[in-house]
Amino acid sequence: MSVVPDFKERTVQFGRADHLNGILTVPRGKGVELKSCMVTVNSGIIHRIGASRLSVELARILSKLGVATLRFDLSGIGES
């Protein structure tokens, strides 16, 4: 049996020349109200998922509370 997550994630490119890469996590489901949004950036040489996947877990937990999250690498660091 597969379980459908209560969030949706997709990769996005943005910036003047689409030179920044990130992951957008948004709440999913009927009647879900988007309450706010949060942007997280990497902390230097650590990948955008964060230490021990902290950024990923935070984004997924916040989505359950109606908060969209964009996590990305700063320009010149990681995949951006």
C-alpha atoms as a PDB file:
ATOM      1  CA  MET A   1       0.000   0.000   0.000  1.00  0.00           C
ATOM      2  CA  SER A   2       1.472   3.344  -0.964  1.00  0.00           C
ATOM      3  CA  VAL A   3       0.943   6.414   1.165  1.00  0.00           C
ATOM      4  CA  VAL A   4       0.560   9.791  -0.547  1.00  0.00           C
ATOM      5  CA  PRO A   5       2.570  12.443   1.320  1.00  0.00           C
ATOM      6  CA  ASP A   6       0.762  15.554   2.529  1.00  0.00           C
ATOM      7  CA  PHE A   7       3.294  17.731   0.756  1.00  0.00           C
ATOM      8  CA  LYS A   8       4.500  18.231  -2.806  1.00  0.00           C
ATOM      9  CA  GLU A   9       8.117  18.917  -3.738  1.00  0.00           C
ATOM     10  CA  ARG A  10       9.600  20.107  -7.013  1.00  0.00           C
ATOM     11  CA  THR A  11      12.832  21.548  -8.246  1.00  0.00           C
ATOM     12  CA  VAL A  12      12.858  25.190  -9.289  1.00  0.00           C
ATOM     13  CA  GLN A  13      15.327  27.465 -11.030  1.00  0.00           C
ATOM     14  CA  PHE A  14      15.247  31.199 -10.458  1.00  0.00           C
ATOM     15  CA  GLY A  15      17.380  34.338 -10.472  1.00  0.00           C
ATOM     16  CA  ARG A  16      18.330  36.705 -13.289  1.00  0.00           C
ATOM     17  CA  ALA A  17      19.584  33.921 -15.534  1.00  0.00           C
ATOM     18  CA  ASP A  18      17.929  30.962 -13.774  1.00  0.00           C
ATOM     19  CA  HIS A  19      21.293  30.374 -12.119  1.00  0.00           C
ATOM     20  CA  LEU A  20      19.888  29.416  -8.710  1.00  0.00           C
ATOM     21  CA  ASN A  21      18.502  25.943  -7.989  1.00  0.00           C
ATOM     22  CA  GLY A  22      16.230  24.957  -5.159  1.00  0.00           C
ATOM     23  CA  ILE A  23      13.517  22.668  -3.887  1.00  0.00           C
ATOM     24  CA  LEU A  24      10.027  24.029  -3.255  1.00  0.00           C
ATOM     25  CA  THR A  25       7.930  22.149  -0.677  1.00  0.00           C
ATOM     26  CA  VAL A  26       4.238  23.036  -0.507  1.00  0.00           C
ATOM     27  CA  PRO A  27       1.285  21.599   1.420  1.00  0.00           C
ATOM     28  CA  ARG A  28      -0.917  19.225  -0.562  1.00  0.00           C
ATOM     29  CA  GLY A  29      -4.550  18.274  -0.150  1.00  0.00           C
ATOM     30  CA  LYS A  30      -8.089  19.484  -0.576  1.00  0.00           C
ATOM     31  CA  GLY A  31      -8.847  22.642   1.317  1.00  0.00           C
ATOM     32  CA  VAL A  32      -5.252  23.192   2.389  1.00  0.00           C
ATOM     33  CA  GLU A  33      -4.673  26.853   3.123  1.00  0.00           C
ATOM     34  CA  LEU A  34      -1.203  28.281   2.542  1.00  0.00           C
ATOM     35  CA  LYS A  35      -0.518  30.298   5.675  1.00  0.00           C
ATOM     36  CA  SER A  36       2.988  31.583   5.016  1.00  0.00           C
ATOM     37  CA  CYS A  37       6.303  30.723   3.425  1.00  0.00           C
ATOM     38  CA  MET A  38       9.907  30.325   4.515  1.00  0.00           C
ATOM     39  CA  VAL A  39      13.213  30.465   2.650  1.00  0.00           C
ATOM     40  CA  THR A  40      16.194  28.471   3.872  1.00  0.00           C
ATOM     41  CA  VAL A  41      19.694  28.749   2.487  1.00  0.00           C
ATOM     42  CA  ASN A  42      22.651  26.468   2.940  1.00  0.00           C
ATOM     43  CA  SER A  43      25.227  27.277   5.560  1.00  0.00           C
ATOM     44  CA  GLY A  44      28.329  27.333   3.390  1.00  0.00           C
ATOM     45  CA  ILE A  45      29.877  24.080   2.273  1.00  0.00           C
ATOM     46  CA  ILE A  46      26.942  22.009   3.535  1.00  0.00           C
ATOM     47  CA  HIS A  47      24.477  20.936   0.821  1.00  0.00           C
ATOM     48  CA  ARG A  48      21.001  22.533   0.835  1.00  0.00           C
ATOM     49  CA  ILE A  49      19.487  19.496   2.633  1.00  0.00           C
ATOM     50  CA  GLY A  50      21.368  20.689   5.722  1.00  0.00           C
ATOM     51  CA  ALA A  51      23.226  18.794   8.372  1.00  0.00           C
ATOM     52  CA  SER A  52      21.552  15.399   8.912  1.00  0.00           C
ATOM     53  CA  ARG A  53      18.840  16.437   6.390  1.00  0.00           C
ATOM     54  CA  LEU A  54      17.605  19.101   8.821  1.00  0.00           C
ATOM     55  CA  SER A  55      16.337  21.412   6.060  1.00  0.00           C
ATOM     56  CA  VAL A  56      14.404  18.580   4.400  1.00  0.00           C
ATOM     57  CA  GLU A  57      12.741  17.470   7.622  1.00  0.00           C
ATOM     58  CA  LEU A  58      11.947  21.061   8.607  1.00  0.00           C
ATOM     59  CA  ALA A  59      10.340  21.779   5.219  1.00  0.00           C
ATOM     60  CA  ARG A  60       8.182  18.655   5.410  1.00  0.00           C
ATOM     61  CA  ILE A  61       7.053  19.324   8.977  1.00  0.00           C
ATOM     62  CA  LEU A  62       6.224  22.956   8.156  1.00  0.00           C
ATOM     63  CA  SER A  63       4.160  21.856   5.139  1.00  0.00           C
ATOM     64  CA  LYS A  64       1.839  20.011   7.544  1.00  0.00           C
ATOM     65  CA  LEU A  65       1.264  23.365   9.237  1.00  0.00           C
ATOM     66  CA  GLY A  66       0.432  25.137   5.963  1.00  0.00           C
ATOM     67  CA  VAL A  67       3.867  26.698   5.400  1.00  0.00           C
ATOM     68  CA  ALA A  68       5.571  26.512   1.994  1.00  0.00           C
ATOM     69  CA  THR A  69       9.364  26.275   2.037  1.00  0.00           C
ATOM     70  CA  LEU A  70      12.034  27.043  -0.536  1.00  0.00           C
ATOM     71  CA  ARG A  71      15.481  25.671   0.229  1.00  0.00           C
ATOM     72  CA  PHE A  72      18.379  26.526  -2.019  1.00  0.00           C
ATOM     73  CA  ASP A  73      22.119  26.890  -2.374  1.00  0.00           C
ATOM     74  CA  LEU A  74      23.495  30.418  -2.500  1.00  0.00           C
ATOM     75  CA  SER A  75      25.069  31.430  -5.809  1.00  0.00           C
ATOM     76  CA  GLY A  76      28.485  29.823  -6.252  1.00  0.00           C
ATOM     77  CA  ILE A  77      27.912  27.225  -3.534  1.00  0.00           C
ATOM     78  CA  GLY A  78      26.520  23.723  -4.038  1.00  0.00           C
ATOM     79  CA  GLU A  79      24.417  23.257  -7.171  1.00  0.00           C
ATOM     80  CA  SER A  80      23.771  26.971  -7.763  1.00  0.00           C
END
